[in-house]
PDB file of N, CA and C in Angstrom:
ATOM      1  N   UNK A   1      38.373  27.857 -36.141  1.00  0.00           N
ATOM      2  CA  UNK A   1      37.783  26.876 -35.294  1.00  0.00           C
ATOM      3  C   UNK A   1      38.603  26.768 -34.011  1.00  0.00           C
ATOM      4  N   UNK A   2      38.112  27.385 -32.980  1.00  0.00           N
ATOM      5  CA  UNK A   2      38.743  27.236 -31.693  1.00  0.00           C
ATOM      6  C   UNK A   2      37.686  27.214 -30.597  1.00  0.00           C
ATOM      7  N   UNK A   3      37.993  26.569 -29.498  1.00  0.00           N
ATOM      8  CA  UNK A   3      36.989  26.432 -28.421  1.00  0.00           C
ATOM      9  C   UNK A   3      36.586  27.792 -27.895  1.00  0.00           C
ATOM     10  N   UNK A   4      35.295  27.882 -27.496  1.00  0.00           N
ATOM     11  CA  UNK A   4      34.755  29.050 -26.851  1.00  0.00           C
ATOM     12  C   UNK A   4      34.449  28.683 -25.403  1.00  0.00           C
ATOM     13  N   UNK A   5      35.088  29.361 -24.475  1.00  0.00           N
ATOM     14  CA  UNK A   5      34.849  29.090 -23.081  1.00  0.00           C
ATOM     15  C   UNK A   5      33.739  29.999 -22.593  1.00  0.00           C
ATOM     16  N   UNK A   6      32.578  29.422 -22.388  1.00  0.00           N
ATOM     17  CA  UNK A   6      31.398  30.198 -22.015  1.00  0.00           C
ATOM     18  C   UNK A   6      31.599  30.927 -20.688  1.00  0.00           C
ATOM     19  N   UNK A   7      32.194  30.232 -19.711  1.00  0.00           N
ATOM     20  CA  UNK A   7      32.412  30.859 -18.405  1.00  0.00           C
ATOM     21  C   UNK A   7      33.270  32.108 -18.520  1.00  0.00           C
ATOM     22  N   UNK A   8      34.330  32.041 -19.351  1.00  0.00           N
ATOM     23  CA  UNK A   8      35.190  33.204 -19.540  1.00  0.00           C
ATOM     24  C   UNK A   8      34.452  34.322 -20.285  1.00  0.00           C
ATOM     25  N   UNK A   9      33.611  33.975 -21.232  1.00  0.00           N
ATOM     26  CA  UNK A   9      32.840  35.002 -21.971  1.00  0.00           C
ATOM     27  C   UNK A   9      31.875  35.746 -21.009  1.00  0.00           C
ATOM     28  N   UNK A  10      31.268  35.038 -20.064  1.00  0.00           N
ATOM     29  CA  UNK A  10      30.387  35.711 -19.129  1.00  0.00           C
ATOM     30  C   UNK A  10      31.138  36.735 -18.262  1.00  0.00           C
ATOM     31  N   UNK A  11      32.429  36.537 -18.047  1.00  0.00           N
ATOM     32  CA  UNK A  11      33.230  37.482 -17.257  1.00  0.00           C
ATOM     33  C   UNK A  11      33.493  38.804 -17.969  1.00  0.00           C
ATOM     34  N   UNK A  12      33.193  38.847 -19.292  1.00  0.00           N
ATOM     35  CA  UNK A  12      33.519  40.034 -20.092  1.00  0.00           C
ATOM     36  C   UNK A  12      32.438  41.126 -20.043  1.00  0.00           C
ATOM     37  N   UNK A  13      31.311  40.842 -19.394  1.00  0.00           N
ATOM     38  CA  UNK A  13      30.266  41.877 -19.353  1.00  0.00           C
ATOM     39  C   UNK A  13      29.440  41.724 -18.061  1.00  0.00           C
ATOM     40  N   UNK A  14      28.773  42.837 -17.693  1.00  0.00           N
ATOM     41  CA  UNK A  14      27.969  42.860 -16.477  1.00  0.00           C
ATOM     42  C   UNK A  14      26.531  43.282 -16.731  1.00  0.00           C
ATOM     43  N   UNK A  15      26.234  43.822 -17.914  1.00  0.00           N
ATOM     44  CA  UNK A  15      24.892  44.359 -18.180  1.00  0.00           C
ATOM     45  C   UNK A  15      23.862  43.235 -18.170  1.00  0.00           C
ATOM     46  N   UNK A  16      22.660  43.603 -17.704  1.00  0.00           N
ATOM     47  CA  UNK A  16      21.532  42.669 -17.708  1.00  0.00           C
ATOM     48  C   UNK A  16      20.677  42.952 -18.935  1.00  0.00           C
ATOM     49  N   UNK A  17      20.097  41.910 -19.500  1.00  0.00           N
ATOM     50  CA  UNK A  17      19.135  41.991 -20.622  1.00  0.00           C
ATOM     51  C   UNK A  17      19.800  42.519 -21.888  1.00  0.00           C
ATOM     52  N   UNK A  18      21.100  42.363 -22.006  1.00  0.00           N
ATOM     53  CA  UNK A  18      21.849  42.865 -23.171  1.00  0.00           C
ATOM     54  C   UNK A  18      22.675  41.715 -23.765  1.00  0.00           C
ATOM     55  N   UNK A  19      22.062  40.884 -24.605  1.00  0.00           N
ATOM     56  CA  UNK A  19      22.770  39.721 -25.153  1.00  0.00           C
ATOM     57  C   UNK A  19      24.030  40.080 -25.899  1.00  0.00           C
ATOM     58  N   UNK A  20      25.036  39.190 -25.808  1.00  0.00           N
ATOM     59  CA  UNK A  20      26.299  39.325 -26.503  1.00  0.00           C
ATOM     60  C   UNK A  20      26.473  38.102 -27.389  1.00  0.00           C
ATOM     61  N   UNK A  21      26.914  38.361 -28.613  1.00  0.00           N
ATOM     62  CA  UNK A  21      27.061  37.264 -29.591  1.00  0.00           C
ATOM     63  C   UNK A  21      28.402  36.578 -29.439  1.00  0.00           C
ATOM     64  N   UNK A  22      28.370  35.222 -29.415  1.00  0.00           N
ATOM     65  CA  UNK A  22      29.627  34.478 -29.310  1.00  0.00           C
ATOM     66  C   UNK A  22      29.839  33.601 -30.550  1.00  0.00           C
ATOM     67  N   UNK A  23      28.845  33.547 -31.434  1.00  0.00           N
ATOM     68  CA  UNK A  23      29.042  32.734 -32.659  1.00  0.00           C
ATOM     69  C   UNK A  23      27.814  32.735 -33.524  1.00  0.00           C
ATOM     70  N   UNK A  24      28.029  32.232 -34.755  1.00  0.00           N
ATOM     71  CA  UNK A  24      26.970  32.077 -35.737  1.00  0.00           C
ATOM     72  C   UNK A  24      27.102  30.758 -36.423  1.00  0.00           C
ATOM     73  N   UNK A  25      25.982  30.155 -36.830  1.00  0.00           N
ATOM     74  CA  UNK A  25      25.997  28.971 -37.665  1.00  0.00           C
ATOM     75  C   UNK A  25      24.649  28.773 -38.346  1.00  0.00           C
ATOM     76  N   UNK A  26      24.700  28.503 -39.627  1.00  0.00           N
ATOM     77  CA  UNK A  26      23.494  28.140 -40.393  1.00  0.00           C
ATOM     78  C   UNK A  26      22.379  29.169 -40.211  1.00  0.00           C
ATOM     79  N   UNK A  27      22.672  30.468 -40.239  1.00  0.00           N
ATOM     80  CA  UNK A  27      21.678  31.495 -40.113  1.00  0.00           C
ATOM     81  C   UNK A  27      21.170  31.670 -38.714  1.00  0.00           C
ATOM     82  N   UNK A  28      21.853  31.086 -37.736  1.00  0.00           N
ATOM     83  CA  UNK A  28      21.491  31.245 -36.330  1.00  0.00           C
ATOM     84  C   UNK A  28      22.642  31.890 -35.598  1.00  0.00           C
ATOM     85  N   UNK A  29      22.359  32.417 -34.403  1.00  0.00           N
ATOM     86  CA  UNK A  29      23.387  33.028 -33.562  1.00  0.00           C
ATOM     87  C   UNK A  29      23.321  32.453 -32.157  1.00  0.00           C
ATOM     88  N   UNK A  30      24.493  32.380 -31.552  1.00  0.00           N
ATOM     89  CA  UNK A  30      24.602  31.990 -30.141  1.00  0.00           C
ATOM     90  C   UNK A  30      24.843  33.277 -29.363  1.00  0.00           C
ATOM     91  N   UNK A  31      23.954  33.534 -28.432  1.00  0.00           N
ATOM     92  CA  UNK A  31      24.028  34.733 -27.574  1.00  0.00           C
ATOM     93  C   UNK A  31      24.150  34.334 -26.126  1.00  0.00           C
ATOM     94  N   UNK A  32      24.954  35.100 -25.392  1.00  0.00           N
ATOM     95  CA  UNK A  32      24.990  34.936 -23.924  1.00  0.00           C
ATOM     96  C   UNK A  32      24.328  36.190 -23.343  1.00  0.00           C
ATOM     97  N   UNK A  33      23.596  35.995 -22.270  1.00  0.00           N
ATOM     98  CA  UNK A  33      22.973  37.108 -21.575  1.00  0.00           C
ATOM     99  C   UNK A  33      22.927  36.877 -20.058  1.00  0.00           C
ATOM    100  N   UNK A  34      23.066  37.955 -19.350  1.00  0.00           N
ATOM    101  CA  UNK A  34      22.854  37.964 -17.904  1.00  0.00           C
ATOM    102  C   UNK A  34      21.470  38.604 -17.695  1.00  0.00           C
ATOM    103  N   UNK A  35      20.646  37.921 -16.923  1.00  0.00           N
ATOM    104  CA  UNK A  35      19.280  38.432 -16.694  1.00  0.00           C
ATOM    105  C   UNK A  35      19.084  38.644 -15.200  1.00  0.00           C
ATOM    106  N   UNK A  36      18.392  39.728 -14.864  1.00  0.00           N
ATOM    107  CA  UNK A  36      18.039  40.024 -13.487  1.00  0.00           C
ATOM    108  C   UNK A  36      16.844  40.960 -13.486  1.00  0.00           C
ATOM    109  N   UNK A  37      15.827  40.589 -12.692  1.00  0.00           N
ATOM    110  CA  UNK A  37      14.594  41.403 -12.657  1.00  0.00           C
ATOM    111  C   UNK A  37      13.591  40.854 -13.681  1.00  0.00           C
ATOM    112  N   UNK A  38      12.676  41.742 -14.048  1.00  0.00           N
ATOM    113  CA  UNK A  38      11.620  41.358 -15.000  1.00  0.00           C
ATOM    114  C   UNK A  38      11.905  41.972 -16.350  1.00  0.00           C
ATOM    115  N   UNK A  39      11.676  41.155 -17.380  1.00  0.00           N
ATOM    116  CA  UNK A  39      11.782  41.653 -18.754  1.00  0.00           C
ATOM    117  C   UNK A  39      10.373  42.149 -19.121  1.00  0.00           C
ATOM    118  N   UNK A  40      10.092  42.267 -20.380  1.00  0.00           N
ATOM    119  CA  UNK A  40       8.802  42.757 -20.845  1.00  0.00           C
ATOM    120  C   UNK A  40       8.037  41.643 -21.548  1.00  0.00           C
ATOM    121  N   UNK A  41       6.720  41.759 -21.549  1.00  0.00           N
ATOM    122  CA  UNK A  41       5.902  40.888 -22.362  1.00  0.00           C
ATOM    123  C   UNK A  41       6.229  41.148 -23.820  1.00  0.00           C
ATOM    124  N   UNK A  42       6.489  40.101 -24.599  1.00  0.00           N
ATOM    125  CA  UNK A  42       6.799  40.277 -26.010  1.00  0.00           C
ATOM    126  C   UNK A  42       6.576  38.997 -26.764  1.00  0.00           C
ATOM    127  N   UNK A  43       6.551  39.103 -28.096  1.00  0.00           N
ATOM    128  CA  UNK A  43       6.320  37.952 -28.974  1.00  0.00           C
ATOM    129  C   UNK A  43       7.323  38.055 -30.126  1.00  0.00           C
ATOM    130  N   UNK A  44       7.811  36.943 -30.554  1.00  0.00           N
ATOM    131  CA  UNK A  44       8.597  36.856 -31.787  1.00  0.00           C
ATOM    132  C   UNK A  44       7.690  36.234 -32.850  1.00  0.00           C
ATOM    133  N   UNK A  45       7.189  37.056 -33.768  1.00  0.00           N
ATOM    134  CA  UNK A  45       6.215  36.603 -34.713  1.00  0.00           C
ATOM    135  C   UNK A  45       6.711  35.537 -35.671  1.00  0.00           C
ATOM    136  N   UNK A  46       8.020  35.591 -36.039  1.00  0.00           N
ATOM    137  CA  UNK A  46       8.515  34.719 -37.078  1.00  0.00           C
ATOM    138  C   UNK A  46       9.652  33.776 -36.621  1.00  0.00           C
ATOM    139  N   UNK A  47      10.042  33.849 -35.350  1.00  0.00           N
ATOM    140  CA  UNK A  47      11.199  33.069 -34.916  1.00  0.00           C
ATOM    141  C   UNK A  47      10.891  32.285 -33.623  1.00  0.00           C
ATOM    142  N   UNK A  48      11.383  31.043 -33.581  1.00  0.00           N
ATOM    143  CA  UNK A  48      11.387  30.301 -32.346  1.00  0.00           C
ATOM    144  C   UNK A  48      12.574  30.808 -31.532  1.00  0.00           C
ATOM    145  N   UNK A  49      12.568  30.556 -30.227  1.00  0.00           N
ATOM    146  CA  UNK A  49      13.645  31.038 -29.343  1.00  0.00           C
ATOM    147  C   UNK A  49      13.981  29.921 -28.392  1.00  0.00           C
ATOM    148  N   UNK A  50      15.300  29.700 -28.165  1.00  0.00           N
ATOM    149  CA  UNK A  50      15.757  28.668 -27.240  1.00  0.00           C
ATOM    150  C   UNK A  50      16.510  29.341 -26.093  1.00  0.00           C
ATOM    151  N   UNK A  51      16.115  29.033 -24.853  1.00  0.00           N
ATOM    152  CA  UNK A  51      16.815  29.476 -23.623  1.00  0.00           C
ATOM    153  C   UNK A  51      17.484  28.254 -23.030  1.00  0.00           C
ATOM    154  N   UNK A  52      18.800  28.334 -22.799  1.00  0.00           N
ATOM    155  CA  UNK A  52      19.546  27.300 -22.074  1.00  0.00           C
ATOM    156  C   UNK A  52      20.083  27.939 -20.833  1.00  0.00           C
ATOM    157  N   UNK A  53      19.698  27.436 -19.673  1.00  0.00           N
ATOM    158  CA  UNK A  53      20.136  28.046 -18.399  1.00  0.00           C
ATOM    159  C   UNK A  53      21.487  27.493 -18.017  1.00  0.00           C
ATOM    160  N   UNK A  54      22.476  28.394 -17.944  1.00  0.00           N
ATOM    161  CA  UNK A  54      23.821  28.043 -17.585  1.00  0.00           C
ATOM    162  C   UNK A  54      24.011  28.168 -16.078  1.00  0.00           C
ATOM    163  N   UNK A  55      23.436  29.225 -15.507  1.00  0.00           N
ATOM    164  CA  UNK A  55      23.571  29.473 -14.058  1.00  0.00           C
ATOM    165  C   UNK A  55      22.309  30.150 -13.562  1.00  0.00           C
ATOM    166  N   UNK A  56      21.804  29.670 -12.411  1.00  0.00           N
ATOM    167  CA  UNK A  56      20.638  30.303 -11.793  1.00  0.00           C
ATOM    168  C   UNK A  56      19.315  29.641 -12.162  1.00  0.00           C
ATOM    169  N   UNK A  57      18.238  30.388 -11.889  1.00  0.00           N
ATOM    170  CA  UNK A  57      16.880  29.882 -12.109  1.00  0.00           C
ATOM    171  C   UNK A  57      16.089  30.948 -12.799  1.00  0.00           C
ATOM    172  N   UNK A  58      15.442  30.601 -13.918  1.00  0.00           N
ATOM    173  CA  UNK A  58      14.671  31.560 -14.700  1.00  0.00           C
ATOM    174  C   UNK A  58      13.220  31.149 -14.706  1.00  0.00           C
ATOM    175  N   UNK A  59      12.357  32.118 -14.531  1.00  0.00           N
ATOM    176  CA  UNK A  59      10.922  31.921 -14.611  1.00  0.00           C
ATOM    177  C   UNK A  59      10.478  32.564 -15.943  1.00  0.00           C
ATOM    178  N   UNK A  60       9.697  31.873 -16.720  1.00  0.00           N
ATOM    179  CA  UNK A  60       9.137  32.476 -17.923  1.00  0.00           C
ATOM    180  C   UNK A  60       7.613  32.386 -17.808  1.00  0.00           C
ATOM    181  N   UNK A  61       7.007  33.577 -17.780  1.00  0.00           N
ATOM    182  CA  UNK A  61       5.554  33.635 -17.736  1.00  0.00           C
ATOM    183  C   UNK A  61       4.987  33.590 -19.140  1.00  0.00           C
ATOM    184  N   UNK A  62       3.944  32.805 -19.325  1.00  0.00           N
ATOM    185  CA  UNK A  62       3.158  32.787 -20.512  1.00  0.00           C
ATOM    186  C   UNK A  62       1.774  33.213 -20.114  1.00  0.00           C
ATOM    187  N   UNK A  63       0.886  33.542 -21.044  1.00  0.00           N
ATOM    188  CA  UNK A  63      -0.447  33.984 -20.689  1.00  0.00           C
ATOM    189  C   UNK A  63      -1.264  32.888 -19.994  1.00  0.00           C
ATOM    190  N   UNK A  64      -0.922  31.628 -20.253  1.00  0.00           N
ATOM    191  CA  UNK A  64      -1.711  30.531 -19.688  1.00  0.00           C
ATOM    192  C   UNK A  64      -0.987  29.638 -18.686  1.00  0.00           C
ATOM    193  N   UNK A  65       0.351  29.907 -18.450  1.00  0.00           N
ATOM    194  CA  UNK A  65       1.129  29.109 -17.497  1.00  0.00           C
ATOM    195  C   UNK A  65       2.431  29.773 -17.195  1.00  0.00           C
ATOM    196  N   UNK A  66       3.144  29.186 -16.218  1.00  0.00           N
ATOM    197  CA  UNK A  66       4.469  29.638 -15.841  1.00  0.00           C
ATOM    198  C   UNK A  66       5.433  28.438 -15.932  1.00  0.00           C
ATOM    199  N   UNK A  67       6.603  28.655 -16.533  1.00  0.00           N
ATOM    200  CA  UNK A  67       7.603  27.609 -16.614  1.00  0.00           C
ATOM    201  C   UNK A  67       8.824  28.078 -15.832  1.00  0.00           C
ATOM    202  N   UNK A  68       9.343  27.176 -14.973  1.00  0.00           N
ATOM    203  CA  UNK A  68      10.552  27.462 -14.194  1.00  0.00           C
ATOM    204  C   UNK A  68      11.681  26.607 -14.730  1.00  0.00           C
ATOM    205  N   UNK A  69      12.800  27.254 -15.013  1.00  0.00           N
ATOM    206  CA  UNK A  69      13.981  26.556 -15.570  1.00  0.00           C
ATOM    207  C   UNK A  69      15.147  26.651 -14.607  1.00  0.00           C
ATOM    208  N   UNK A  70      15.841  25.554 -14.403  1.00  0.00           N
ATOM    209  CA  UNK A  70      17.020  25.488 -13.579  1.00  0.00           C
ATOM    210  C   UNK A  70      18.263  25.232 -14.383  1.00  0.00           C
ATOM    211  N   UNK A  71      19.406  25.333 -13.762  1.00  0.00           N
ATOM    212  CA  UNK A  71      20.672  25.144 -14.480  1.00  0.00           C
ATOM    213  C   UNK A  71      20.658  23.844 -15.270  1.00  0.00           C
ATOM    214  N   UNK A  72      21.127  23.920 -16.519  1.00  0.00           N
ATOM    215  CA  UNK A  72      21.207  22.746 -17.367  1.00  0.00           C
ATOM    216  C   UNK A  72      19.946  22.469 -18.152  1.00  0.00           C
ATOM    217  N   UNK A  73      18.886  23.216 -17.921  1.00  0.00           N
ATOM    218  CA  UNK A  73      17.618  22.979 -18.615  1.00  0.00           C
ATOM    219  C   UNK A  73      17.444  23.967 -19.761  1.00  0.00           C
ATOM    220  N   UNK A  74      16.651  23.556 -20.744  1.00  0.00           N
ATOM    221  CA  UNK A  74      16.328  24.414 -21.868  1.00  0.00           C
ATOM    222  C   UNK A  74      14.833  24.485 -22.054  1.00  0.00           C
ATOM    223  N   UNK A  75      14.385  25.506 -22.747  1.00  0.00           N
ATOM    224  CA  UNK A  75      13.009  25.580 -23.210  1.00  0.00           C
ATOM    225  C   UNK A  75      13.037  26.229 -24.587  1.00  0.00           C
ATOM    226  N   UNK A  76      12.199  25.712 -25.447  1.00  0.00           N
ATOM    227  CA  UNK A  76      12.051  26.297 -26.776  1.00  0.00           C
ATOM    228  C   UNK A  76      10.661  26.961 -26.833  1.00  0.00           C
ATOM    229  N   UNK A  77      10.696  28.261 -27.118  1.00  0.00           N
ATOM    230  CA  UNK A  77       9.438  29.035 -27.163  1.00  0.00           C
ATOM    231  C   UNK A  77       9.104  29.188 -28.640  1.00  0.00           C
ATOM    232  N   UNK A  78       7.984  28.598 -29.098  1.00  0.00           N
ATOM    233  CA  UNK A  78       7.595  28.697 -30.488  1.00  0.00           C
ATOM    234  C   UNK A  78       7.254  30.128 -30.890  1.00  0.00           C
ATOM    235  N   UNK A  79       7.491  30.410 -32.188  1.00  0.00           N
ATOM    236  CA  UNK A  79       7.134  31.716 -32.710  1.00  0.00           C
ATOM    237  C   UNK A  79       5.665  32.040 -32.398  1.00  0.00           C
ATOM    238  N   UNK A  80       5.406  33.324 -32.138  1.00  0.00           N
ATOM    239  CA  UNK A  80       4.042  33.756 -31.903  1.00  0.00           C
ATOM    240  C   UNK A  80       3.557  33.587 -30.497  1.00  0.00           C
ATOM    241  N   UNK A  81       4.354  33.007 -29.597  1.00  0.00           N
ATOM    242  CA  UNK A  81       3.917  32.804 -28.210  1.00  0.00           C
ATOM    243  C   UNK A  81       4.415  33.957 -27.335  1.00  0.00           C
ATOM    244  N   UNK A  82       3.480  34.676 -26.751  1.00  0.00           N
ATOM    245  CA  UNK A  82       3.834  35.821 -25.901  1.00  0.00           C
ATOM    246  C   UNK A  82       4.426  35.305 -24.589  1.00  0.00           C
ATOM    247  N   UNK A  83       5.497  35.959 -24.127  1.00  0.00           N
ATOM    248  CA  UNK A  83       6.174  35.489 -22.934  1.00  0.00           C
ATOM    249  C   UNK A  83       6.906  36.645 -22.244  1.00  0.00           C
ATOM    250  N   UNK A  84       7.223  36.392 -20.959  1.00  0.00           N
ATOM    251  CA  UNK A  84       7.965  37.389 -20.158  1.00  0.00           C
ATOM    252  C   UNK A  84       8.912  36.672 -19.213  1.00  0.00           C
ATOM    253  N   UNK A  85      10.237  36.752 -19.464  1.00  0.00           N
ATOM    254  CA  UNK A  85      11.234  36.176 -18.552  1.00  0.00           C
ATOM    255  C   UNK A  85      11.357  36.975 -17.261  1.00  0.00           C
ATOM    256  N   UNK A  86      11.579  36.263 -16.161  1.00  0.00           N
ATOM    257  CA  UNK A  86      11.774  36.854 -14.856  1.00  0.00           C
ATOM    258  C   UNK A  86      12.925  36.166 -14.147  1.00  0.00           C
ATOM    259  N   UNK A  87      13.892  36.958 -13.659  1.00  0.00           N
ATOM    260  CA  UNK A  87      15.024  36.407 -12.927  1.00  0.00           C
ATOM    261  C   UNK A  87      15.094  37.095 -11.581  1.00  0.00           C
ATOM    262  N   UNK A  88      14.702  36.365 -10.537  1.00  0.00           N
ATOM    263  CA  UNK A  88      14.719  36.963  -9.170  1.00  0.00           C
ATOM    264  C   UNK A  88      16.151  37.237  -8.720  1.00  0.00           C
ATOM    265  N   UNK A  89      17.082  36.385  -9.111  1.00  0.00           N
ATOM    266  CA  UNK A  89      18.516  36.559  -8.883  1.00  0.00           C
ATOM    267  C   UNK A  89      19.178  36.527 -10.256  1.00  0.00           C
ATOM    268  N   UNK A  90      20.413  36.901 -10.354  1.00  0.00           N
ATOM    269  CA  UNK A  90      21.081  36.907 -11.667  1.00  0.00           C
ATOM    270  C   UNK A  90      21.104  35.515 -12.268  1.00  0.00           C
ATOM    271  N   UNK A  91      20.760  35.450 -13.521  1.00  0.00           N
ATOM    272  CA  UNK A  91      20.746  34.213 -14.301  1.00  0.00           C
ATOM    273  C   UNK A  91      21.639  34.387 -15.516  1.00  0.00           C
ATOM    274  N   UNK A  92      22.400  33.348 -15.847  1.00  0.00           N
ATOM    275  CA  UNK A  92      23.218  33.340 -17.060  1.00  0.00           C
ATOM    276  C   UNK A  92      22.551  32.409 -18.038  1.00  0.00           C
ATOM    277  N   UNK A  93      22.298  32.856 -19.279  1.00  0.00           N
ATOM    278  CA  UNK A  93      21.637  32.040 -20.295  1.00  0.00           C
ATOM    279  C   UNK A  93      22.395  32.070 -21.600  1.00  0.00           C
ATOM    280  N   UNK A  94      22.242  30.959 -22.305  1.00  0.00           N
ATOM    281  CA  UNK A  94      22.714  30.841 -23.684  1.00  0.00           C
ATOM    282  C   UNK A  94      21.450  30.823 -24.505  1.00  0.00           C
ATOM    283  N   UNK A  95      21.391  31.742 -25.487  1.00  0.00           N
ATOM    284  CA  UNK A  95      20.239  31.852 -26.369  1.00  0.00           C
ATOM    285  C   UNK A  95      20.661  31.389 -27.768  1.00  0.00           C
ATOM    286  N   UNK A  96      19.799  30.621 -28.420  1.00  0.00           N
ATOM    287  CA  UNK A  96      20.042  30.159 -29.765  1.00  0.00           C
ATOM    288  C   UNK A  96      18.914  30.668 -30.615  1.00  0.00           C
ATOM    289  N   UNK A  97      19.210  31.631 -31.527  1.00  0.00           N
ATOM    290  CA  UNK A  97      18.127  32.348 -32.224  1.00  0.00           C
ATOM    291  C   UNK A  97      18.543  32.674 -33.673  1.00  0.00           C
ATOM    292  N   UNK A  98      17.590  32.871 -34.545  1.00  0.00           N
ATOM    293  CA  UNK A  98      17.885  33.300 -35.892  1.00  0.00           C
ATOM    294  C   UNK A  98      18.578  34.682 -35.902  1.00  0.00           C
ATOM    295  N   UNK A  99      19.402  34.912 -36.926  1.00  0.00           N
ATOM    296  CA  UNK A  99      20.139  36.169 -37.029  1.00  0.00           C
ATOM    297  C   UNK A  99      19.245  37.387 -37.053  1.00  0.00           C
ATOM    298  N   UNK A 100      18.045  37.263 -37.623  1.00  0.00           N
ATOM    299  CA  UNK A 100      17.162  38.418 -37.796  1.00  0.00           C
ATOM    300  C   UNK A 100      16.310  38.737 -36.588  1.00  0.00           C
ATOM    301  N   UNK A 101      16.383  37.947 -35.526  1.00  0.00           N
ATOM    302  CA  UNK A 101      15.477  38.129 -34.411  1.00  0.00           C
ATOM    303  C   UNK A 101      15.681  39.494 -33.746  1.00  0.00           C
ATOM    304  N   UNK A 102      14.578  40.085 -33.292  1.00  0.00           N
ATOM    305  CA  UNK A 102      14.638  41.306 -32.482  1.00  0.00           C
ATOM    306  C   UNK A 102      14.493  40.855 -31.022  1.00  0.00           C
ATOM    307  N   UNK A 103      15.396  41.323 -30.226  1.00  0.00           N
ATOM    308  CA  UNK A 103      15.514  40.844 -28.845  1.00  0.00           C
ATOM    309  C   UNK A 103      14.251  41.132 -28.011  1.00  0.00           C
ATOM    310  N   UNK A 104      13.561  42.205 -28.302  1.00  0.00           N
ATOM    311  CA  UNK A 104      12.296  42.457 -27.587  1.00  0.00           C
ATOM    312  C   UNK A 104      11.087  42.163 -28.475  1.00  0.00           C
ATOM    313  N   UNK A 105      11.336  41.369 -29.495  1.00  0.00           N
ATOM    314  CA  UNK A 105      10.218  40.948 -30.348  1.00  0.00           C
ATOM    315  C   UNK A 105       9.473  42.092 -30.985  1.00  0.00           C
ATOM    316  N   UNK A 106       8.144  42.074 -30.759  1.00  0.00           N
ATOM    317  CA  UNK A 106       7.260  43.043 -31.358  1.00  0.00           C
ATOM    318  C   UNK A 106       7.143  44.317 -30.530  1.00  0.00           C
ATOM    319  N   UNK A 107       7.955  44.469 -29.514  1.00  0.00           N
ATOM    320  CA  UNK A 107       7.917  45.662 -28.616  1.00  0.00           C
ATOM    321  C   UNK A 107       9.240  46.391 -28.720  1.00  0.00           C
ATOM    322  N   UNK A 108       9.177  47.723 -28.849  1.00  0.00           N
ATOM    323  CA  UNK A 108      10.383  48.535 -28.826  1.00  0.00           C
ATOM    324  C   UNK A 108      10.339  49.385 -27.555  1.00  0.00           C
ATOM    325  N   UNK A 109      11.380  49.268 -26.717  1.00  0.00           N
ATOM    326  CA  UNK A 109      11.470  50.104 -25.516  1.00  0.00           C
ATOM    327  C   UNK A 109      12.904  50.274 -25.159  1.00  0.00           C
ATOM    328  N   UNK A 110      13.181  50.751 -23.961  1.00  0.00           N
ATOM    329  CA  UNK A 110      14.553  51.071 -23.529  1.00  0.00           C
ATOM    330  C   UNK A 110      15.422  49.821 -23.382  1.00  0.00           C
ATOM    331  N   UNK A 111      14.848  48.613 -23.364  1.00  0.00           N
ATOM    332  CA  UNK A 111      15.629  47.378 -23.288  1.00  0.00           C
ATOM    333  C   UNK A 111      16.030  46.830 -24.641  1.00  0.00           C
ATOM    334  N   UNK A 112      15.453  47.375 -25.683  1.00  0.00           N
ATOM    335  CA  UNK A 112      15.681  46.868 -27.045  1.00  0.00           C
ATOM    336  C   UNK A 112      17.135  47.044 -27.469  1.00  0.00           C
ATOM    337  N   UNK A 113      17.737  45.964 -27.956  1.00  0.00           N
ATOM    338  CA  UNK A 113      19.096  45.994 -28.461  1.00  0.00           C
ATOM    339  C   UNK A 113      18.991  45.768 -29.987  1.00  0.00           C
ATOM    340  N   UNK A 114      19.454  46.732 -30.746  1.00  0.00           N
ATOM    341  CA  UNK A 114      19.353  46.642 -32.199  1.00  0.00           C
ATOM    342  C   UNK A 114      20.446  45.742 -32.794  1.00  0.00           C
ATOM    343  N   UNK A 115      21.672  45.828 -32.300  1.00  0.00           N
ATOM    344  CA  UNK A 115      22.783  45.053 -32.795  1.00  0.00           C
ATOM    345  C   UNK A 115      23.498  44.384 -31.619  1.00  0.00           C
ATOM    346  N   UNK A 116      23.656  43.078 -31.679  1.00  0.00           N
ATOM    347  CA  UNK A 116      24.329  42.371 -30.595  1.00  0.00           C
ATOM    348  C   UNK A 116      25.855  42.516 -30.724  1.00  0.00           C
ATOM    349  N   UNK A 117      26.498  42.930 -29.627  1.00  0.00           N
ATOM    350  CA  UNK A 117      27.948  43.053 -29.615  1.00  0.00           C
ATOM    351  C   UNK A 117      28.590  41.656 -29.651  1.00  0.00           C
ATOM    352  N   UNK A 118      29.604  41.517 -30.468  1.00  0.00           N
ATOM    353  CA  UNK A 118      30.394  40.277 -30.501  1.00  0.00           C
ATOM    354  C   UNK A 118      31.438  40.322 -29.384  1.00  0.00           C
ATOM    355  N   UNK A 119      31.516  39.199 -28.625  1.00  0.00           N
ATOM    356  CA  UNK A 119      32.542  39.131 -27.577  1.00  0.00           C
ATOM    357  C   UNK A 119      33.366  37.873 -27.779  1.00  0.00           C
TER     358      UNK A 119
END
């Protein structure tokens, strides 16, 4: 049990769309990610997903609306809801997700990360 400095953890990597694990609790994981550009349309069939914006502004497109998130804001995306994150400038996010989640959901492509690196 020791403090985790999120700002320091973000300094340890530069890749975009490649979440890094900083902790686990109760079958969930805490992931940090740097986002820039457009991600892909995807769905998590069995898992809800939480985005907490640490730095920057994130746009999340849904098939019926667009949600814009600013620093300090969160959104919970229910399982089964198709979405596409977009970061016009680099965004730092904290993700809170089940251990079994696939980062690109029901889509496999070059952005898919099979195992999240611990930092």
